[in-house]
Amino acid sequence: MRIDSLPYNNAQTQGPERRRWLQEHTPQHLEQCAALMLEALARRPPALSPGIAVLGAGACTEIPLEKLARAADEVVLVDLDRAALVQARAELPAASLRSRVQLLTADLTGGVSLLLRERLRLLPWPSLEQSEASTLWDRLAAVLDACPIPDPPEVEGLPRATFGLAISSLVLSQLFSYPLLDLLDAVQQRAARHLGTQERHRRYQEAAQRFRLRIIAAHLHLLHDLVEPDGLVVLLSDVRGFLFKEGELSKGEAPRQALPLVPYAFFDLVRQTFTVLAERRWEWLSDLPTAERPGRGYEVVGYLATVPAR
C-alpha cells in the first residue's frame, strides 16, 4: 500500500533541512501556516482546555511546535510516521517542552487503505483483465462506493471533546489520494492494459469523487469532535497543484498545468461543519524546475474556525 512508503517519502520532504529550503525559496508558506496557528492560540478563550491536537504532524516542518508547546499543557502529535514524530519532538530545545509533547501513531482514516485492499483482493482479476475496459471500471466504481469509511474515524488514544485547539496540517489530500493510488496500482499489476482508460469512464470518475468527499467529511467530523464546545480548529489543505517552467512565476505567467486536488464541494463542507473565523490562501513551491522537468507548487487554503457549543 502507498501508505507503507510514507516514512521514506517524509524523510525526503520533511524536517529541518526541508524547513531551511522552504525558508529560502517559499518563506510565505511557513509564515502563513504559523500565523494561522498562532492566531488560534491568541483567540482561544481562557476557559478552554489548553490541550492541542495536531493531525498529520509529521516532522512538524510547517508547525511552530515550540510555540505551541509553550502555550499548552499537552500537545498530541498524530501521524502514521512515528520516526517523523520522534524527530519533531527531539528538535525542541528543552526537556520541559519535550515532556509536554505526546506522540500518537495512527492512520487518520481509520484504516481505509486496508479496507479497500481487502475488497480489491476479492475481485475476479483474470476475467476483468480480459473484459472490456468499461466492465473493469464499472466494477471498481462499485468497490469504491461500497468501501466503508469510518465517519468519524476512531483513533485510539485520541479522546473526543478534550482539546481547546485541533490542527489539521496539510494532510487532507493524502487521506484519499493514497487509497486511490492503491487502486490504480492494483490495476497496473493485474489489468495493465486498461490503465489510463479510467479518465474516459464517467461512472468511475464519479465514484472516485464520492470517495474523496466521504473521506473529507469524515476528517472534518473528526476535527469537530476532538475539540470542546467553542473550541478552535485550524485546517490547512493543499487544494490545487501546478507545474511551471523556469521564469514563469517571476513573469507572472499562468502555470503550465493545473492539478486539482480536492473537490470543489470541500469548501462548502468546511462551512457546513464549522463557523469560519478566517480564511487565507497562498501558494508554495515544493520543487524548482530543471532542464529535465518542470517545477511543482501548490495552492493552499487555511481556515481558522470554531465549533459552536452543541
C-alpha atoms as a PDB file:
ATOM      1  CA  MET A   1       0.000   0.000   0.000  1.00  0.00           C
ATOM      2  CA  ARG A   2       1.147   3.540  -0.691  1.00  0.00           C
ATOM      3  CA  ILE A   3       0.948   4.481   2.993  1.00  0.00           C
ATOM      4  CA  ASP A   4       3.678   1.912   3.662  1.00  0.00           C
ATOM      5  CA  SER A   5       6.144   4.185   1.852  1.00  0.00           C
ATOM      6  CA  LEU A   6       5.144   7.231   3.894  1.00  0.00           C
ATOM      7  CA  PRO A   7       8.171   7.198   6.257  1.00  0.00           C
ATOM      8  CA  TYR A   8      10.572   7.038   3.297  1.00  0.00           C
ATOM      9  CA  ASN A   9       8.805   9.867   1.461  1.00  0.00           C
ATOM     10  CA  ASN A  10       8.642  12.002   4.601  1.00  0.00           C
ATOM     11  CA  ALA A  11      12.363  11.602   5.152  1.00  0.00           C
ATOM     12  CA  GLN A  12      12.892  13.292   1.776  1.00  0.00           C
ATOM     13  CA  THR A  13      10.356  16.093   2.215  1.00  0.00           C
ATOM     14  CA  GLN A  14      10.197  16.952   5.924  1.00  0.00           C
ATOM     15  CA  GLY A  15      12.395  18.042   8.788  1.00  0.00           C
ATOM     16  CA  PRO A  16      14.883  20.853   9.479  1.00  0.00           C
ATOM     17  CA  GLU A  17      16.700  20.682   6.138  1.00  0.00           C
ATOM     18  CA  ARG A  18      13.393  20.927   4.276  1.00  0.00           C
ATOM     19  CA  ARG A  19      12.353  23.819   6.520  1.00  0.00           C
ATOM     20  CA  ARG A  20      15.530  25.688   5.587  1.00  0.00           C
ATOM     21  CA  TRP A  21      14.797  25.065   1.897  1.00  0.00           C
ATOM     22  CA  LEU A  22      11.284  26.442   2.307  1.00  0.00           C
ATOM     23  CA  GLN A  23      12.595  29.477   4.163  1.00  0.00           C
ATOM     24  CA  GLU A  24      14.874  30.212   1.220  1.00  0.00           C
ATOM     25  CA  HIS A  25      12.530  29.511  -1.681  1.00  0.00           C
ATOM     26  CA  THR A  26       8.964  29.953  -0.426  1.00  0.00           C
ATOM     27  CA  PRO A  27       9.043  31.644   3.003  1.00  0.00           C
ATOM     28  CA  GLN A  28       5.462  32.879   2.764  1.00  0.00           C
ATOM     29  CA  HIS A  29       4.294  29.288   3.147  1.00  0.00           C
ATOM     30  CA  LEU A  30       5.924  28.861   6.556  1.00  0.00           C
ATOM     31  CA  GLU A  31       4.782  32.334   7.593  1.00  0.00           C
ATOM     32  CA  GLN A  32       1.140  31.747   6.653  1.00  0.00           C
ATOM     33  CA  CYS A  33       0.982  28.316   8.325  1.00  0.00           C
ATOM     34  CA  ALA A  34       2.475  29.642  11.560  1.00  0.00           C
ATOM     35  CA  ALA A  35       0.355  32.804  11.521  1.00  0.00           C
ATOM     36  CA  LEU A  36      -2.938  30.896  11.494  1.00  0.00           C
ATOM     37  CA  MET A  37      -1.860  28.594  14.326  1.00  0.00           C
ATOM     38  CA  LEU A  38      -0.583  31.472  16.450  1.00  0.00           C
ATOM     39  CA  GLU A  39      -3.753  33.465  15.773  1.00  0.00           C
ATOM     40  CA  ALA A  40      -5.726  30.477  17.032  1.00  0.00           C
ATOM     41  CA  LEU A  41      -3.682  30.481  20.257  1.00  0.00           C
ATOM     42  CA  ALA A  42      -4.314  34.201  20.696  1.00  0.00           C
ATOM     43  CA  ARG A  43      -8.075  33.801  20.166  1.00  0.00           C
ATOM     44  CA  ARG A  44      -8.504  30.696  22.294  1.00  0.00           C
ATOM     45  CA  PRO A  45     -10.874  31.513  25.197  1.00  0.00           C
ATOM     46  CA  PRO A  46      -9.176  31.142  28.613  1.00  0.00           C
ATOM     47  CA  ALA A  47     -11.857  28.729  29.802  1.00  0.00           C
ATOM     48  CA  LEU A  48     -10.967  26.159  27.143  1.00  0.00           C
ATOM     49  CA  SER A  49      -8.617  23.257  27.681  1.00  0.00           C
ATOM     50  CA  PRO A  50      -5.005  24.214  26.956  1.00  0.00           C
ATOM     51  CA  GLY A  51      -4.511  20.874  25.173  1.00  0.00           C
ATOM     52  CA  ILE A  52      -3.691  20.860  21.455  1.00  0.00           C
ATOM     53  CA  ALA A  53      -4.032  18.032  18.912  1.00  0.00           C
ATOM     54  CA  VAL A  54      -2.072  18.202  15.641  1.00  0.00           C
ATOM     55  CA  LEU A  55      -3.229  15.784  12.941  1.00  0.00           C
ATOM     56  CA  GLY A  56      -0.764  14.958  10.187  1.00  0.00           C
ATOM     57  CA  ALA A  57       2.043  16.481  12.220  1.00  0.00           C
ATOM     58  CA  GLY A  58       4.884  14.520  10.624  1.00  0.00           C
ATOM     59  CA  ALA A  59       8.214  16.162  11.421  1.00  0.00           C
ATOM     60  CA  CYS A  60       6.401  19.491  12.121  1.00  0.00           C
ATOM     61  CA  THR A  61       8.134  21.149   9.179  1.00  0.00           C
ATOM     62  CA  GLU A  62       5.433  23.843   8.910  1.00  0.00           C
ATOM     63  CA  ILE A  63       4.305  23.741  12.543  1.00  0.00           C
ATOM     64  CA  PRO A  64       5.696  26.158  15.178  1.00  0.00           C
ATOM     65  CA  LEU A  65       5.911  23.328  17.689  1.00  0.00           C
ATOM     66  CA  GLU A  66       7.972  25.168  20.286  1.00  0.00           C
ATOM     67  CA  LYS A  67       5.412  27.984  20.495  1.00  0.00           C
ATOM     68  CA  LEU A  68       2.546  25.506  20.680  1.00  0.00           C
ATOM     69  CA  ALA A  69       4.270  23.578  23.462  1.00  0.00           C
ATOM     70  CA  ARG A  70       4.899  26.750  25.463  1.00  0.00           C
ATOM     71  CA  ALA A  71       1.197  27.650  25.208  1.00  0.00           C
ATOM     72  CA  ALA A  72      -0.196  24.221  26.138  1.00  0.00           C
ATOM     73  CA  ASP A  73      -0.002  21.740  28.969  1.00  0.00           C
ATOM     74  CA  GLU A  74      -0.083  18.952  26.373  1.00  0.00           C
ATOM     75  CA  VAL A  75       0.412  18.770  22.603  1.00  0.00           C
ATOM     76  CA  VAL A  76      -0.561  15.484  20.950  1.00  0.00           C
ATOM     77  CA  LEU A  77       1.143  14.953  17.591  1.00  0.00           C
ATOM     78  CA  VAL A  78      -0.672  12.396  15.428  1.00  0.00           C
ATOM     79  CA  ASP A  79       0.744  10.814  12.293  1.00  0.00           C
ATOM     80  CA  LEU A  80       1.339   7.424  10.717  1.00  0.00           C
ATOM     81  CA  ASP A  81       5.083   8.152  10.537  1.00  0.00           C
ATOM     82  CA  ARG A  82       6.459   7.507  14.024  1.00  0.00           C
ATOM     83  CA  ALA A  83      10.032   8.384  13.112  1.00  0.00           C
ATOM     84  CA  ALA A  84       8.992  11.844  11.909  1.00  0.00           C
ATOM     85  CA  LEU A  85       7.108  12.495  15.151  1.00  0.00           C
ATOM     86  CA  VAL A  86      10.127  11.484  17.211  1.00  0.00           C
ATOM     87  CA  GLN A  87      12.295  13.810  15.148  1.00  0.00           C
ATOM     88  CA  ALA A  88       9.885  16.711  15.657  1.00  0.00           C
ATOM     89  CA  ARG A  89       9.856  16.336  19.432  1.00  0.00           C
ATOM     90  CA  ALA A  90      13.629  15.920  19.598  1.00  0.00           C
ATOM     91  CA  GLU A  91      14.086  19.333  17.961  1.00  0.00           C
ATOM     92  CA  LEU A  92      12.571  21.101  20.964  1.00  0.00           C
ATOM     93  CA  PRO A  93      15.273  22.930  22.932  1.00  0.00           C
ATOM     94  CA  ALA A  94      14.299  21.907  26.476  1.00  0.00           C
ATOM     95  CA  ALA A  95      13.283  18.738  28.274  1.00  0.00           C
ATOM     96  CA  SER A  96      10.404  20.617  29.922  1.00  0.00           C
ATOM     97  CA  LEU A  97       8.924  21.313  26.487  1.00  0.00           C
ATOM     98  CA  ARG A  98       9.564  17.813  25.174  1.00  0.00           C
ATOM     99  CA  SER A  99       7.697  16.371  28.162  1.00  0.00           C
ATOM    100  CA  ARG A 100       4.557  18.233  27.077  1.00  0.00           C
ATOM    101  CA  VAL A 101       4.545  16.639  23.624  1.00  0.00           C
ATOM    102  CA  GLN A 102       2.883  13.255  23.275  1.00  0.00           C
ATOM    103  CA  LEU A 103       3.246  11.135  20.132  1.00  0.00           C
ATOM    104  CA  LEU A 104       0.430   9.051  18.682  1.00  0.00           C
ATOM    105  CA  THR A 105       0.992   6.794  15.671  1.00  0.00           C
ATOM    106  CA  ALA A 106      -2.293   6.361  13.812  1.00  0.00           C
ATOM    107  CA  ASP A 107      -3.975   6.095  10.430  1.00  0.00           C
ATOM    108  CA  LEU A 108      -6.239   9.128  10.399  1.00  0.00           C
ATOM    109  CA  THR A 109      -8.700   7.476   8.009  1.00  0.00           C
ATOM    110  CA  GLY A 110      -9.420   4.643  10.412  1.00  0.00           C
ATOM    111  CA  GLY A 111      -7.882   2.059   8.077  1.00  0.00           C
ATOM    112  CA  VAL A 112      -9.479   2.868   4.722  1.00  0.00           C
ATOM    113  CA  SER A 113      -6.456   1.615   2.761  1.00  0.00           C
ATOM    114  CA  LEU A 114      -6.719  -1.783   4.412  1.00  0.00           C
ATOM    115  CA  LEU A 115     -10.471  -1.940   3.882  1.00  0.00           C
ATOM    116  CA  LEU A 116     -10.076  -1.093   0.206  1.00  0.00           C
ATOM    117  CA  ARG A 117      -7.212  -3.552  -0.291  1.00  0.00           C
ATOM    118  CA  GLU A 118      -9.327  -6.412   1.036  1.00  0.00           C
ATOM    119  CA  ARG A 119     -12.134  -5.624  -1.397  1.00  0.00           C
ATOM    120  CA  LEU A 120      -9.731  -5.339  -4.309  1.00  0.00           C
ATOM    121  CA  ARG A 121      -8.180  -8.700  -3.402  1.00  0.00           C
ATOM    122  CA  LEU A 122     -11.567 -10.428  -3.798  1.00  0.00           C
ATOM    123  CA  LEU A 123     -12.168  -9.239  -7.367  1.00  0.00           C
ATOM    124  CA  PRO A 124     -12.012 -11.741 -10.265  1.00  0.00           C
ATOM    125  CA  TRP A 125      -8.977 -10.073 -11.812  1.00  0.00           C
ATOM    126  CA  PRO A 126      -8.267 -12.582 -14.624  1.00  0.00           C
ATOM    127  CA  SER A 127     -11.741 -12.169 -16.086  1.00  0.00           C
ATOM    128  CA  LEU A 128     -11.693  -8.392 -15.555  1.00  0.00           C
ATOM    129  CA  GLU A 129      -8.353  -8.152 -17.356  1.00  0.00           C
ATOM    130  CA  GLN A 130      -9.847  -9.940 -20.361  1.00  0.00           C
ATOM    131  CA  SER A 131     -13.054  -7.908 -20.328  1.00  0.00           C
ATOM    132  CA  GLU A 132     -13.806  -4.540 -21.859  1.00  0.00           C
ATOM    133  CA  ALA A 133     -12.372  -1.562 -20.018  1.00  0.00           C
ATOM    134  CA  SER A 134     -15.859  -0.353 -19.110  1.00  0.00           C
ATOM    135  CA  THR A 135     -16.542  -3.612 -17.265  1.00  0.00           C
ATOM    136  CA  LEU A 136     -13.417  -3.202 -15.142  1.00  0.00           C
ATOM    137  CA  TRP A 137     -14.057   0.420 -14.245  1.00  0.00           C
ATOM    138  CA  ASP A 138     -17.737  -0.236 -13.518  1.00  0.00           C
ATOM    139  CA  ARG A 139     -16.652  -2.905 -11.056  1.00  0.00           C
ATOM    140  CA  LEU A 140     -14.044  -0.662  -9.452  1.00  0.00           C
ATOM    141  CA  ALA A 141     -16.582   2.152  -9.174  1.00  0.00           C
ATOM    142  CA  ALA A 142     -18.820  -0.233  -7.241  1.00  0.00           C
ATOM    143  CA  VAL A 143     -15.887  -1.189  -4.999  1.00  0.00           C
ATOM    144  CA  LEU A 144     -15.234   2.460  -4.129  1.00  0.00           C
ATOM    145  CA  ASP A 145     -18.892   3.121  -3.388  1.00  0.00           C
ATOM    146  CA  ALA A 146     -19.121   0.038  -1.161  1.00  0.00           C
ATOM    147  CA  CYS A 147     -15.856   0.620   0.704  1.00  0.00           C
ATOM    148  CA  PRO A 148     -16.607   1.521   4.346  1.00  0.00           C
ATOM    149  CA  ILE A 149     -15.237   4.848   5.519  1.00  0.00           C
ATOM    150  CA  PRO A 150     -15.420   5.334   9.309  1.00  0.00           C
ATOM    151  CA  ASP A 151     -17.115   8.666   9.963  1.00  0.00           C
ATOM    152  CA  PRO A 152     -15.631   9.971  12.092  1.00  0.00           C
ATOM    153  CA  PRO A 153     -12.698   7.553  12.217  1.00  0.00           C
ATOM    154  CA  GLU A 154     -11.859   6.023  15.567  1.00  0.00           C
ATOM    155  CA  VAL A 155      -8.297   6.957  16.545  1.00  0.00           C
ATOM    156  CA  GLU A 156      -7.285   5.014  19.620  1.00  0.00           C
ATOM    157  CA  GLY A 157      -5.683   7.247  22.224  1.00  0.00           C
ATOM    158  CA  LEU A 158      -7.269  10.442  20.895  1.00  0.00           C
ATOM    159  CA  PRO A 159     -10.161  11.386  23.200  1.00  0.00           C
ATOM    160  CA  ARG A 160     -13.117  13.387  21.906  1.00  0.00           C
ATOM    161  CA  ALA A 161     -14.246  16.821  23.133  1.00  0.00           C
ATOM    162  CA  THR A 162     -10.978  17.217  25.023  1.00  0.00           C
ATOM    163  CA  PHE A 163      -8.851  19.794  23.209  1.00  0.00           C
ATOM    164  CA  GLY A 164      -9.113  23.549  23.063  1.00  0.00           C
ATOM    165  CA  LEU A 165      -7.438  23.569  19.653  1.00  0.00           C
ATOM    166  CA  ALA A 166      -7.187  20.933  16.910  1.00  0.00           C
ATOM    167  CA  ILE A 167      -4.949  21.417  13.868  1.00  0.00           C
ATOM    168  CA  SER A 168      -5.001  19.510  10.571  1.00  0.00           C
ATOM    169  CA  SER A 169      -1.708  20.227   8.849  1.00  0.00           C
ATOM    170  CA  LEU A 170      -1.615  19.631   5.088  1.00  0.00           C
ATOM    171  CA  VAL A 171      -2.707  16.011   5.384  1.00  0.00           C
ATOM    172  CA  LEU A 172      -6.234  16.021   3.970  1.00  0.00           C
ATOM    173  CA  SER A 173      -5.460  15.338   0.312  1.00  0.00           C
ATOM    174  CA  GLN A 174      -3.188  12.424   1.283  1.00  0.00           C
ATOM    175  CA  LEU A 175      -6.012  10.698   3.128  1.00  0.00           C
ATOM    176  CA  PHE A 176      -7.914   9.956  -0.075  1.00  0.00           C
ATOM    177  CA  SER A 177      -5.103  10.043  -2.637  1.00  0.00           C
ATOM    178  CA  TYR A 178      -3.159   7.118  -1.158  1.00  0.00           C
ATOM    179  CA  PRO A 179      -6.106   4.662  -1.294  1.00  0.00           C
ATOM    180  CA  LEU A 180      -6.993   5.759  -4.829  1.00  0.00           C
ATOM    181  CA  LEU A 181      -3.387   5.273  -5.908  1.00  0.00           C
ATOM    182  CA  ASP A 182      -3.505   1.811  -4.326  1.00  0.00           C
ATOM    183  CA  LEU A 183      -6.452   1.008  -6.581  1.00  0.00           C
ATOM    184  CA  LEU A 184      -4.562   2.157  -9.670  1.00  0.00           C
ATOM    185  CA  ASP A 185      -1.532   0.154  -8.549  1.00  0.00           C
ATOM    186  CA  ALA A 186      -3.758  -2.940  -8.428  1.00  0.00           C
ATOM    187  CA  VAL A 187      -4.881  -2.253 -11.992  1.00  0.00           C
ATOM    188  CA  GLN A 188      -1.267  -1.793 -13.078  1.00  0.00           C
ATOM    189  CA  GLN A 189      -0.340  -5.157 -11.589  1.00  0.00           C
ATOM    190  CA  ARG A 190      -3.370  -7.185 -12.699  1.00  0.00           C
ATOM    191  CA  ALA A 191      -5.023  -5.477 -15.677  1.00  0.00           C
ATOM    192  CA  ALA A 192      -2.370  -3.118 -17.009  1.00  0.00           C
ATOM    193  CA  ARG A 193      -3.838  -2.835 -20.491  1.00  0.00           C
ATOM    194  CA  HIS A 194      -6.783  -0.901 -19.051  1.00  0.00           C
ATOM    195  CA  LEU A 195      -4.721   1.589 -17.057  1.00  0.00           C
ATOM    196  CA  GLY A 196      -5.347   5.138 -18.260  1.00  0.00           C
ATOM    197  CA  THR A 197      -8.775   4.450 -19.689  1.00  0.00           C
ATOM    198  CA  GLN A 198     -10.392   5.446 -16.368  1.00  0.00           C
ATOM    199  CA  GLU A 199     -10.205   9.094 -17.402  1.00  0.00           C
ATOM    200  CA  ARG A 200     -12.902   8.386 -20.004  1.00  0.00           C
ATOM    201  CA  HIS A 201     -15.123   6.369 -17.684  1.00  0.00           C
ATOM    202  CA  ARG A 202     -17.726   8.631 -16.140  1.00  0.00           C
ATOM    203  CA  ARG A 203     -19.090   6.201 -13.579  1.00  0.00           C
ATOM    204  CA  TYR A 204     -15.641   5.520 -12.142  1.00  0.00           C
ATOM    205  CA  GLN A 205     -14.751   9.221 -12.023  1.00  0.00           C
ATOM    206  CA  GLU A 206     -17.983   9.994 -10.164  1.00  0.00           C
ATOM    207  CA  ALA A 207     -17.365   7.154  -7.694  1.00  0.00           C
ATOM    208  CA  ALA A 208     -13.803   8.380  -7.065  1.00  0.00           C
ATOM    209  CA  GLN A 209     -15.165  11.856  -6.380  1.00  0.00           C
ATOM    210  CA  ARG A 210     -17.728  10.496  -3.918  1.00  0.00           C
ATOM    211  CA  PHE A 211     -14.935   8.519  -2.244  1.00  0.00           C
ATOM    212  CA  ARG A 212     -12.861  11.696  -1.836  1.00  0.00           C
ATOM    213  CA  LEU A 213     -15.803  13.591  -0.391  1.00  0.00           C
ATOM    214  CA  ARG A 214     -16.634  10.858   2.117  1.00  0.00           C
ATOM    215  CA  ILE A 215     -13.069  10.859   3.430  1.00  0.00           C
ATOM    216  CA  ILE A 216     -13.012  14.655   3.572  1.00  0.00           C
ATOM    217  CA  ALA A 217     -16.291  14.741   5.505  1.00  0.00           C
ATOM    218  CA  ALA A 218     -15.040  12.096   7.949  1.00  0.00           C
ATOM    219  CA  HIS A 219     -11.855  14.078   8.600  1.00  0.00           C
ATOM    220  CA  LEU A 220     -13.792  17.292   9.195  1.00  0.00           C
ATOM    221  CA  HIS A 221     -16.091  15.445  11.604  1.00  0.00           C
ATOM    222  CA  LEU A 222     -13.043  14.101  13.464  1.00  0.00           C
ATOM    223  CA  LEU A 223     -11.666  17.618  13.898  1.00  0.00           C
ATOM    224  CA  HIS A 224     -15.100  18.809  15.022  1.00  0.00           C
ATOM    225  CA  ASP A 225     -15.405  16.066  17.628  1.00  0.00           C
ATOM    226  CA  LEU A 226     -11.916  16.482  19.083  1.00  0.00           C
ATOM    227  CA  VAL A 227     -12.448  19.982  20.448  1.00  0.00           C
ATOM    228  CA  GLU A 228     -14.543  21.200  23.324  1.00  0.00           C
ATOM    229  CA  PRO A 229     -17.615  23.343  22.650  1.00  0.00           C
ATOM    230  CA  ASP A 230     -16.415  26.752  21.407  1.00  0.00           C
ATOM    231  CA  GLY A 231     -13.042  25.176  20.694  1.00  0.00           C
ATOM    232  CA  LEU A 232     -10.919  26.228  17.736  1.00  0.00           C
ATOM    233  CA  VAL A 233      -9.814  24.381  14.610  1.00  0.00           C
ATOM    234  CA  VAL A 234      -7.039  25.228  12.159  1.00  0.00           C
ATOM    235  CA  LEU A 235      -7.341  23.399   8.849  1.00  0.00           C
ATOM    236  CA  LEU A 236      -4.590  23.681   6.240  1.00  0.00           C
ATOM    237  CA  SER A 237      -5.006  21.858   2.944  1.00  0.00           C
ATOM    238  CA  ASP A 238      -3.470  21.842  -0.499  1.00  0.00           C
ATOM    239  CA  VAL A 239      -6.339  22.392  -2.924  1.00  0.00           C
ATOM    240  CA  ARG A 240      -4.588  22.590  -6.293  1.00  0.00           C
ATOM    241  CA  GLY A 241      -1.169  21.700  -7.629  1.00  0.00           C
ATOM    242  CA  PHE A 242       0.573  23.297 -10.581  1.00  0.00           C
ATOM    243  CA  LEU A 243       3.595  22.707 -12.769  1.00  0.00           C
ATOM    244  CA  PHE A 244       5.747  25.560 -14.061  1.00  0.00           C
ATOM    245  CA  LYS A 245       8.841  26.195 -16.151  1.00  0.00           C
ATOM    246  CA  GLU A 246      11.824  28.355 -15.274  1.00  0.00           C
ATOM    247  CA  GLY A 247      10.910  32.028 -15.270  1.00  0.00           C
ATOM    248  CA  GLU A 248       7.156  31.549 -15.423  1.00  0.00           C
ATOM    249  CA  LEU A 249       6.412  32.603 -11.855  1.00  0.00           C
ATOM    250  CA  SER A 250       8.650  35.674 -11.966  1.00  0.00           C
ATOM    251  CA  LYS A 251       7.000  36.745 -15.219  1.00  0.00           C
ATOM    252  CA  GLY A 252       3.537  36.295 -13.747  1.00  0.00           C
ATOM    253  CA  GLU A 253       2.559  33.767 -16.386  1.00  0.00           C
ATOM    254  CA  ALA A 254      -0.126  31.183 -15.720  1.00  0.00           C
ATOM    255  CA  PRO A 255       1.104  27.764 -14.595  1.00  0.00           C
ATOM    256  CA  ARG A 256       1.541  25.330 -17.468  1.00  0.00           C
ATOM    257  CA  GLN A 257      -0.670  22.630 -15.992  1.00  0.00           C
ATOM    258  CA  ALA A 258      -3.185  22.696 -13.135  1.00  0.00           C
ATOM    259  CA  LEU A 259      -3.634  19.627 -10.936  1.00  0.00           C
ATOM    260  CA  PRO A 260      -6.896  19.724  -8.934  1.00  0.00           C
ATOM    261  CA  LEU A 261      -6.517  18.018  -5.549  1.00  0.00           C
ATOM    262  CA  VAL A 262      -9.804  18.417  -3.686  1.00  0.00           C
ATOM    263  CA  PRO A 263     -13.374  18.549  -4.995  1.00  0.00           C
ATOM    264  CA  TYR A 264     -14.918  21.989  -5.058  1.00  0.00           C
ATOM    265  CA  ALA A 265     -17.570  20.773  -2.599  1.00  0.00           C
ATOM    266  CA  PHE A 266     -14.814  20.708   0.033  1.00  0.00           C
ATOM    267  CA  PHE A 267     -15.248  24.435   0.632  1.00  0.00           C
ATOM    268  CA  ASP A 268     -18.970  24.032   1.318  1.00  0.00           C
ATOM    269  CA  LEU A 269     -18.319  21.087   3.646  1.00  0.00           C
ATOM    270  CA  VAL A 270     -15.955  23.209   5.758  1.00  0.00           C
ATOM    271  CA  ARG A 271     -18.580  25.905   6.227  1.00  0.00           C
ATOM    272  CA  GLN A 272     -21.285  23.355   6.971  1.00  0.00           C
ATOM    273  CA  THR A 273     -19.139  21.796   9.700  1.00  0.00           C
ATOM    274  CA  PHE A 274     -17.574  24.858  11.345  1.00  0.00           C
ATOM    275  CA  THR A 275     -18.069  28.558  11.892  1.00  0.00           C
ATOM    276  CA  VAL A 276     -15.220  30.040   9.870  1.00  0.00           C
ATOM    277  CA  LEU A 277     -13.442  32.958  11.527  1.00  0.00           C
ATOM    278  CA  ALA A 278     -10.696  33.477   8.949  1.00  0.00           C
ATOM    279  CA  GLU A 279      -9.806  32.077   5.526  1.00  0.00           C
ATOM    280  CA  ARG A 280      -6.471  32.618   3.798  1.00  0.00           C
ATOM    281  CA  ARG A 281      -4.981  31.403   0.529  1.00  0.00           C
ATOM    282  CA  TRP A 282      -1.419  31.275  -0.674  1.00  0.00           C
ATOM    283  CA  GLU A 283       0.940  29.314  -2.894  1.00  0.00           C
ATOM    284  CA  TRP A 284       4.084  27.411  -2.050  1.00  0.00           C
ATOM    285  CA  LEU A 285       6.764  25.650  -4.079  1.00  0.00           C
ATOM    286  CA  SER A 286       7.805  22.080  -3.435  1.00  0.00           C
ATOM    287  CA  ASP A 287      10.282  21.652  -6.303  1.00  0.00           C
ATOM    288  CA  LEU A 288      12.155  24.063  -8.562  1.00  0.00           C
ATOM    289  CA  PRO A 289      12.229  23.459 -12.317  1.00  0.00           C
ATOM    290  CA  THR A 290      15.235  21.949 -14.063  1.00  0.00           C
ATOM    291  CA  ALA A 291      16.107  21.434 -17.713  1.00  0.00           C
ATOM    292  CA  GLU A 292      14.623  17.930 -17.485  1.00  0.00           C
ATOM    293  CA  ARG A 293      11.419  18.527 -15.534  1.00  0.00           C
ATOM    294  CA  PRO A 294       9.070  21.336 -14.514  1.00  0.00           C
ATOM    295  CA  GLY A 295       8.838  22.746 -11.023  1.00  0.00           C
ATOM    296  CA  ARG A 296       5.885  21.933  -8.802  1.00  0.00           C
ATOM    297  CA  GLY A 297       3.869  24.093  -6.461  1.00  0.00           C
ATOM    298  CA  TYR A 298       0.610  24.075  -4.561  1.00  0.00           C
ATOM    299  CA  GLU A 299      -2.259  26.371  -3.803  1.00  0.00           C
ATOM    300  CA  VAL A 300      -3.239  26.196  -0.132  1.00  0.00           C
ATOM    301  CA  VAL A 301      -6.319  27.218   1.782  1.00  0.00           C
ATOM    302  CA  GLY A 302      -6.074  27.814   5.507  1.00  0.00           C
ATOM    303  CA  TYR A 303      -9.053  28.120   7.844  1.00  0.00           C
ATOM    304  CA  LEU A 304      -9.354  29.273  11.408  1.00  0.00           C
ATOM    305  CA  ALA A 305     -12.729  28.108  12.657  1.00  0.00           C
ATOM    306  CA  THR A 306     -14.704  27.426  15.789  1.00  0.00           C
ATOM    307  CA  VAL A 307     -17.025  24.646  16.863  1.00  0.00           C
ATOM    308  CA  PRO A 308     -20.159  26.254  18.342  1.00  0.00           C
ATOM    309  CA  ALA A 309     -21.478  24.825  21.596  1.00  0.00           C
ATOM    310  CA  ARG A 310     -23.709  21.810  20.932  1.00  0.00           C
END
